[in-house]
């Protein structure tokens, strides 16, 4: 993630499942970078998080992501 940030190539971040990872990454993120955390990893949780990031249902067409 830090390499992508440094290169200006990180467009957004979605973290699923691990609150510890989210707590570690969140302070490193620029305030204007779209980022969100969801404790659930199931498709509905992913859809809700992507909607929150402004990506809407179009972002889940391919099913579960990893």
PDB file of N, CA and C in Angstrom:
ATOM      1  N   UNK A   1       0.803  -1.171   0.000  1.00  0.00           N
ATOM      2  CA  UNK A   1       0.000   0.000   0.000  1.00  0.00           C
ATOM      3  C   UNK A   1       0.862   1.257   0.000  1.00  0.00           C
ATOM      4  N   UNK A   2       1.920   1.274   0.772  1.00  0.00           N
ATOM      5  CA  UNK A   2       2.759   2.470   0.829  1.00  0.00           C
ATOM      6  C   UNK A   2       3.427   2.747  -0.516  1.00  0.00           C
ATOM      7  N   UNK A   3       3.775   1.685  -1.252  1.00  0.00           N
ATOM      8  CA  UNK A   3       4.354   1.886  -2.589  1.00  0.00           C
ATOM      9  C   UNK A   3       3.335   2.505  -3.528  1.00  0.00           C
ATOM     10  N   UNK A   4       2.076   2.028  -3.459  1.00  0.00           N
ATOM     11  CA  UNK A   4       1.029   2.590  -4.303  1.00  0.00           C
ATOM     12  C   UNK A   4       0.748   4.046  -3.932  1.00  0.00           C
ATOM     13  N   UNK A   5       0.723   4.347  -2.647  1.00  0.00           N
ATOM     14  CA  UNK A   5       0.534   5.728  -2.212  1.00  0.00           C
ATOM     15  C   UNK A   5       1.664   6.608  -2.723  1.00  0.00           C
ATOM     16  N   UNK A   6       2.886   6.153  -2.564  1.00  0.00           N
ATOM     17  CA  UNK A   6       4.052   6.918  -2.996  1.00  0.00           C
ATOM     18  C   UNK A   6       4.061   7.182  -4.492  1.00  0.00           C
ATOM     19  N   UNK A   7       3.555   6.235  -5.259  1.00  0.00           N
ATOM     20  CA  UNK A   7       3.512   6.377  -6.716  1.00  0.00           C
ATOM     21  C   UNK A   7       2.248   7.096  -7.177  1.00  0.00           C
ATOM     22  N   UNK A   8       1.369   7.445  -6.247  1.00  0.00           N
ATOM     23  CA  UNK A   8       0.125   8.102  -6.606  1.00  0.00           C
ATOM     24  C   UNK A   8      -0.841   7.192  -7.348  1.00  0.00           C
ATOM     25  N   UNK A   9      -0.769   5.886  -7.085  1.00  0.00           N
ATOM     26  CA  UNK A   9      -1.569   4.906  -7.813  1.00  0.00           C
ATOM     27  C   UNK A   9      -2.657   4.239  -6.973  1.00  0.00           C
ATOM     28  N   UNK A  10      -2.806   4.646  -5.728  1.00  0.00           N
ATOM     29  CA  UNK A  10      -3.847   4.070  -4.882  1.00  0.00           C
ATOM     30  C   UNK A  10      -5.103   4.921  -5.006  1.00  0.00           C
ATOM     31  N   UNK A  11      -6.133   4.357  -5.613  1.00  0.00           N
ATOM     32  CA  UNK A  11      -7.368   5.099  -5.871  1.00  0.00           C
ATOM     33  C   UNK A  11      -8.362   4.972  -4.721  1.00  0.00           C
ATOM     34  N   UNK A  12      -8.244   3.938  -3.924  1.00  0.00           N
ATOM     35  CA  UNK A  12      -9.153   3.705  -2.814  1.00  0.00           C
ATOM     36  C   UNK A  12      -8.770   2.425  -2.107  1.00  0.00           C
ATOM     37  N   UNK A  13      -9.385   2.190  -0.952  1.00  0.00           N
ATOM     38  CA  UNK A  13      -9.042   0.999  -0.169  1.00  0.00           C
ATOM     39  C   UNK A  13     -10.279   0.459   0.521  1.00  0.00           C
ATOM     40  N   UNK A  14     -10.491  -0.826   0.395  1.00  0.00           N
ATOM     41  CA  UNK A  14     -11.559  -1.533   1.105  1.00  0.00           C
ATOM     42  C   UNK A  14     -10.900  -2.643   1.916  1.00  0.00           C
ATOM     43  N   UNK A  15     -11.187  -2.669   3.201  1.00  0.00           N
ATOM     44  CA  UNK A  15     -10.638  -3.687   4.096  1.00  0.00           C
ATOM     45  C   UNK A  15     -11.815  -4.474   4.657  1.00  0.00           C
ATOM     46  N   UNK A  16     -11.757  -5.787   4.512  1.00  0.00           N
ATOM     47  CA  UNK A  16     -12.815  -6.674   4.995  1.00  0.00           C
ATOM     48  C   UNK A  16     -12.268  -7.584   6.087  1.00  0.00           C
ATOM     49  N   UNK A  17     -13.006  -7.727   7.173  1.00  0.00           N
ATOM     50  CA  UNK A  17     -12.721  -8.767   8.148  1.00  0.00           C
ATOM     51  C   UNK A  17     -11.832  -8.406   9.313  1.00  0.00           C
ATOM     52  N   UNK A  18     -10.726  -7.734   9.087  1.00  0.00           N
ATOM     53  CA  UNK A  18      -9.757  -7.533  10.154  1.00  0.00           C
ATOM     54  C   UNK A  18      -9.769  -6.101  10.690  1.00  0.00           C
ATOM     55  N   UNK A  19     -10.334  -5.891  11.880  1.00  0.00           N
ATOM     56  CA  UNK A  19     -10.305  -4.538  12.439  1.00  0.00           C
ATOM     57  C   UNK A  19      -8.879  -4.100  12.790  1.00  0.00           C
ATOM     58  N   UNK A  20      -8.006  -5.051  13.081  1.00  0.00           N
ATOM     59  CA  UNK A  20      -6.625  -4.726  13.430  1.00  0.00           C
ATOM     60  C   UNK A  20      -5.870  -4.187  12.223  1.00  0.00           C
ATOM     61  N   UNK A  21      -6.086  -4.792  11.072  1.00  0.00           N
ATOM     62  CA  UNK A  21      -5.458  -4.293   9.850  1.00  0.00           C
ATOM     63  C   UNK A  21      -5.979  -2.894   9.529  1.00  0.00           C
ATOM     64  N   UNK A  22      -7.297  -2.694   9.630  1.00  0.00           N
ATOM     65  CA  UNK A  22      -7.893  -1.392   9.373  1.00  0.00           C
ATOM     66  C   UNK A  22      -7.310  -0.330  10.313  1.00  0.00           C
ATOM     67  N   UNK A  23      -7.180  -0.655  11.602  1.00  0.00           N
ATOM     68  CA  UNK A  23      -6.634   0.296  12.575  1.00  0.00           C
ATOM     69  C   UNK A  23      -5.185   0.648  12.263  1.00  0.00           C
ATOM     70  N   UNK A  24      -4.464  -0.296  11.676  1.00  0.00           N
ATOM     71  CA  UNK A  24      -3.069  -0.051  11.313  1.00  0.00           C
ATOM     72  C   UNK A  24      -2.972   0.816  10.053  1.00  0.00           C
ATOM     73  N   UNK A  25      -3.822   0.540   9.074  1.00  0.00           N
ATOM     74  CA  UNK A  25      -3.740   1.240   7.791  1.00  0.00           C
ATOM     75  C   UNK A  25      -4.374   2.622   7.810  1.00  0.00           C
ATOM     76  N   UNK A  26      -5.455   2.778   8.535  1.00  0.00           N
ATOM     77  CA  UNK A  26      -6.225   4.021   8.491  1.00  0.00           C
ATOM     78  C   UNK A  26      -5.384   5.272   8.746  1.00  0.00           C
ATOM     79  N   UNK A  27      -4.493   5.303   9.735  1.00  0.00           N
ATOM     80  CA  UNK A  27      -3.702   6.523   9.960  1.00  0.00           C
ATOM     81  C   UNK A  27      -2.729   6.844   8.814  1.00  0.00           C
ATOM     82  N   UNK A  28      -2.424   5.871   7.973  1.00  0.00           N
ATOM     83  CA  UNK A  28      -1.487   6.076   6.874  1.00  0.00           C
ATOM     84  C   UNK A  28      -2.149   6.650   5.625  1.00  0.00           C
ATOM     85  N   UNK A  29      -3.475   6.653   5.608  1.00  0.00           N
ATOM     86  CA  UNK A  29      -4.210   7.053   4.412  1.00  0.00           C
ATOM     87  C   UNK A  29      -4.430   8.554   4.362  1.00  0.00           C
ATOM     88  N   UNK A  30      -4.270   9.153   3.166  1.00  0.00           N
ATOM     89  CA  UNK A  30      -4.613  10.568   3.019  1.00  0.00           C
ATOM     90  C   UNK A  30      -6.105  10.778   3.291  1.00  0.00           C
ATOM     91  N   UNK A  31      -6.465  11.927   3.819  1.00  0.00           N
ATOM     92  CA  UNK A  31      -7.855  12.211   4.179  1.00  0.00           C
ATOM     93  C   UNK A  31      -8.789  12.175   2.977  1.00  0.00           C
ATOM     94  N   UNK A  32      -8.278  12.462   1.786  1.00  0.00           N
ATOM     95  CA  UNK A  32      -9.133  12.509   0.594  1.00  0.00           C
ATOM     96  C   UNK A  32      -9.206  11.180  -0.157  1.00  0.00           C
ATOM     97  N   UNK A  33      -8.561  10.139   0.366  1.00  0.00           N
ATOM     98  CA  UNK A  33      -8.602   8.824  -0.281  1.00  0.00           C
ATOM     99  C   UNK A  33      -9.849   8.069   0.159  1.00  0.00           C
ATOM    100  N   UNK A  34     -10.682   7.617  -0.788  1.00  0.00           N
ATOM    101  CA  UNK A  34     -11.853   6.825  -0.400  1.00  0.00           C
ATOM    102  C   UNK A  34     -11.406   5.514   0.253  1.00  0.00           C
ATOM    103  N   UNK A  35     -11.838   5.281   1.470  1.00  0.00           N
ATOM    104  CA  UNK A  35     -11.454   4.071   2.187  1.00  0.00           C
ATOM    105  C   UNK A  35     -12.557   3.710   3.169  1.00  0.00           C
ATOM    106  N   UNK A  36     -12.752   2.410   3.348  1.00  0.00           N
ATOM    107  CA  UNK A  36     -13.787   1.949   4.271  1.00  0.00           C
ATOM    108  C   UNK A  36     -13.441   0.553   4.780  1.00  0.00           C
ATOM    109  N   UNK A  37     -14.051   0.205   5.909  1.00  0.00           N
ATOM    110  CA  UNK A  37     -13.857  -1.096   6.558  1.00  0.00           C
ATOM    111  C   UNK A  37     -15.206  -1.756   6.776  1.00  0.00           C
ATOM    112  N   UNK A  38     -15.226  -3.066   6.600  1.00  0.00           N
ATOM    113  CA  UNK A  38     -16.411  -3.856   6.913  1.00  0.00           C
ATOM    114  C   UNK A  38     -15.970  -5.121   7.645  1.00  0.00           C
ATOM    115  N   UNK A  39     -16.620  -5.449   8.768  1.00  0.00           N
ATOM    116  CA  UNK A  39     -16.255  -6.669   9.468  1.00  0.00           C
ATOM    117  C   UNK A  39     -16.675  -7.929   8.711  1.00  0.00           C
ATOM    118  N   UNK A  40     -17.667  -7.805   7.832  1.00  0.00           N
ATOM    119  CA  UNK A  40     -18.132  -8.957   7.066  1.00  0.00           C
ATOM    120  C   UNK A  40     -17.414  -9.086   5.736  1.00  0.00           C
ATOM    121  N   UNK A  41     -17.254 -10.324   5.268  1.00  0.00           N
ATOM    122  CA  UNK A  41     -16.580 -10.579   4.005  1.00  0.00           C
ATOM    123  C   UNK A  41     -17.519 -11.164   2.961  1.00  0.00           C
ATOM    124  N   UNK A  42     -18.791 -11.348   3.313  1.00  0.00           N
ATOM    125  CA  UNK A  42     -19.733 -11.951   2.383  1.00  0.00           C
ATOM    126  C   UNK A  42     -20.126 -10.939   1.299  1.00  0.00           C
ATOM    127  N   UNK A  43     -20.656 -11.404   0.181  1.00  0.00           N
ATOM    128  CA  UNK A  43     -20.990 -10.508  -0.934  1.00  0.00           C
ATOM    129  C   UNK A  43     -21.862  -9.319  -0.550  1.00  0.00           C
ATOM    130  N   UNK A  44     -22.825  -9.496   0.343  1.00  0.00           N
ATOM    131  CA  UNK A  44     -23.675  -8.373   0.739  1.00  0.00           C
ATOM    132  C   UNK A  44     -22.853  -7.307   1.459  1.00  0.00           C
ATOM    133  N   UNK A  45     -21.948  -7.731   2.327  1.00  0.00           N
ATOM    134  CA  UNK A  45     -21.090  -6.776   3.031  1.00  0.00           C
ATOM    135  C   UNK A  45     -20.199  -6.039   2.039  1.00  0.00           C
ATOM    136  N   UNK A  46     -19.681  -6.764   1.051  1.00  0.00           N
ATOM    137  CA  UNK A  46     -18.859  -6.114   0.035  1.00  0.00           C
ATOM    138  C   UNK A  46     -19.680  -5.104  -0.747  1.00  0.00           C
ATOM    139  N   UNK A  47     -20.897  -5.462  -1.112  1.00  0.00           N
ATOM    140  CA  UNK A  47     -21.757  -4.553  -1.870  1.00  0.00           C
ATOM    141  C   UNK A  47     -22.033  -3.280  -1.074  1.00  0.00           C
ATOM    142  N   UNK A  48     -22.304  -3.421   0.207  1.00  0.00           N
ATOM    143  CA  UNK A  48     -22.580  -2.252   1.047  1.00  0.00           C
ATOM    144  C   UNK A  48     -21.355  -1.351   1.162  1.00  0.00           C
ATOM    145  N   UNK A  49     -20.190  -1.952   1.322  1.00  0.00           N
ATOM    146  CA  UNK A  49     -18.971  -1.169   1.446  1.00  0.00           C
ATOM    147  C   UNK A  49     -18.651  -0.461   0.133  1.00  0.00           C
ATOM    148  N   UNK A  50     -18.792  -1.154  -0.982  1.00  0.00           N
ATOM    149  CA  UNK A  50     -18.531  -0.533  -2.282  1.00  0.00           C
ATOM    150  C   UNK A  50     -19.516   0.598  -2.549  1.00  0.00           C
ATOM    151  N   UNK A  51     -20.746   0.425  -2.131  1.00  0.00           N
ATOM    152  CA  UNK A  51     -21.742   1.495  -2.268  1.00  0.00           C
ATOM    153  C   UNK A  51     -21.311   2.715  -1.458  1.00  0.00           C
ATOM    154  N   UNK A  52     -20.817   2.470  -0.270  1.00  0.00           N
ATOM    155  CA  UNK A  52     -20.341   3.556   0.596  1.00  0.00           C
ATOM    156  C   UNK A  52     -19.169   4.297  -0.032  1.00  0.00           C
ATOM    157  N   UNK A  53     -18.358   3.581  -0.794  1.00  0.00           N
ATOM    158  CA  UNK A  53     -17.229   4.203  -1.474  1.00  0.00           C
ATOM    159  C   UNK A  53     -17.637   4.868  -2.783  1.00  0.00           C
ATOM    160  N   UNK A  54     -18.917   4.755  -3.130  1.00  0.00           N
ATOM    161  CA  UNK A  54     -19.403   5.392  -4.343  1.00  0.00           C
ATOM    162  C   UNK A  54     -19.260   4.557  -5.589  1.00  0.00           C
ATOM    163  N   UNK A  55     -19.006   3.276  -5.432  1.00  0.00           N
ATOM    164  CA  UNK A  55     -18.835   2.399  -6.592  1.00  0.00           C
ATOM    165  C   UNK A  55     -20.117   1.685  -6.977  1.00  0.00           C
ATOM    166  N   UNK A  56     -21.098   1.708  -6.123  1.00  0.00           N
ATOM    167  CA  UNK A  56     -22.402   1.126  -6.433  1.00  0.00           C
ATOM    168  C   UNK A  56     -22.357  -0.344  -6.765  1.00  0.00           C
ATOM    169  N   UNK A  57     -23.488  -0.843  -7.233  1.00  0.00           N
ATOM    170  CA  UNK A  57     -23.640  -2.264  -7.524  1.00  0.00           C
ATOM    171  C   UNK A  57     -22.758  -2.721  -8.670  1.00  0.00           C
ATOM    172  N   UNK A  58     -22.341  -1.823  -9.526  1.00  0.00           N
ATOM    173  CA  UNK A  58     -21.496  -2.207 -10.653  1.00  0.00           C
ATOM    174  C   UNK A  58     -20.188  -2.842 -10.226  1.00  0.00           C
ATOM    175  N   UNK A  59     -19.737  -2.524  -9.023  1.00  0.00           N
ATOM    176  CA  UNK A  59     -18.478  -3.054  -8.532  1.00  0.00           C
ATOM    177  C   UNK A  59     -18.546  -4.502  -8.097  1.00  0.00           C
ATOM    178  N   UNK A  60     -19.758  -5.088  -7.990  1.00  0.00           N
ATOM    179  CA  UNK A  60     -19.853  -6.462  -7.480  1.00  0.00           C
ATOM    180  C   UNK A  60     -20.284  -7.436  -8.561  1.00  0.00           C
ATOM    181  N   UNK A  61     -20.324  -7.013  -9.794  1.00  0.00           N
ATOM    182  CA  UNK A  61     -20.787  -7.888 -10.892  1.00  0.00           C
ATOM    183  C   UNK A  61     -20.000  -9.198 -10.944  1.00  0.00           C
ATOM    184  N   UNK A  62     -18.714  -9.150 -10.606  1.00  0.00           N
ATOM    185  CA  UNK A  62     -17.881 -10.332 -10.714  1.00  0.00           C
ATOM    186  C   UNK A  62     -17.975 -11.268  -9.535  1.00  0.00           C
ATOM    187  N   UNK A  63     -18.804 -10.966  -8.542  1.00  0.00           N
ATOM    188  CA  UNK A  63     -18.932 -11.827  -7.378  1.00  0.00           C
ATOM    189  C   UNK A  63     -17.914 -11.492  -6.314  1.00  0.00           C
ATOM    190  N   UNK A  64     -17.607 -12.458  -5.484  1.00  0.00           N
ATOM    191  CA  UNK A  64     -16.710 -12.275  -4.363  1.00  0.00           C
ATOM    192  C   UNK A  64     -15.320 -11.896  -4.824  1.00  0.00           C
ATOM    193  N   UNK A  65     -14.715 -10.916  -4.160  1.00  0.00           N
ATOM    194  CA  UNK A  65     -13.358 -10.497  -4.516  1.00  0.00           C
ATOM    195  C   UNK A  65     -12.416 -10.839  -3.368  1.00  0.00           C
ATOM    196  N   UNK A  66     -11.139 -10.870  -3.660  1.00  0.00           N
ATOM    197  CA  UNK A  66     -10.159 -11.098  -2.592  1.00  0.00           C
ATOM    198  C   UNK A  66      -8.930 -10.274  -2.810  1.00  0.00           C
TER     199      UNK A  66
END
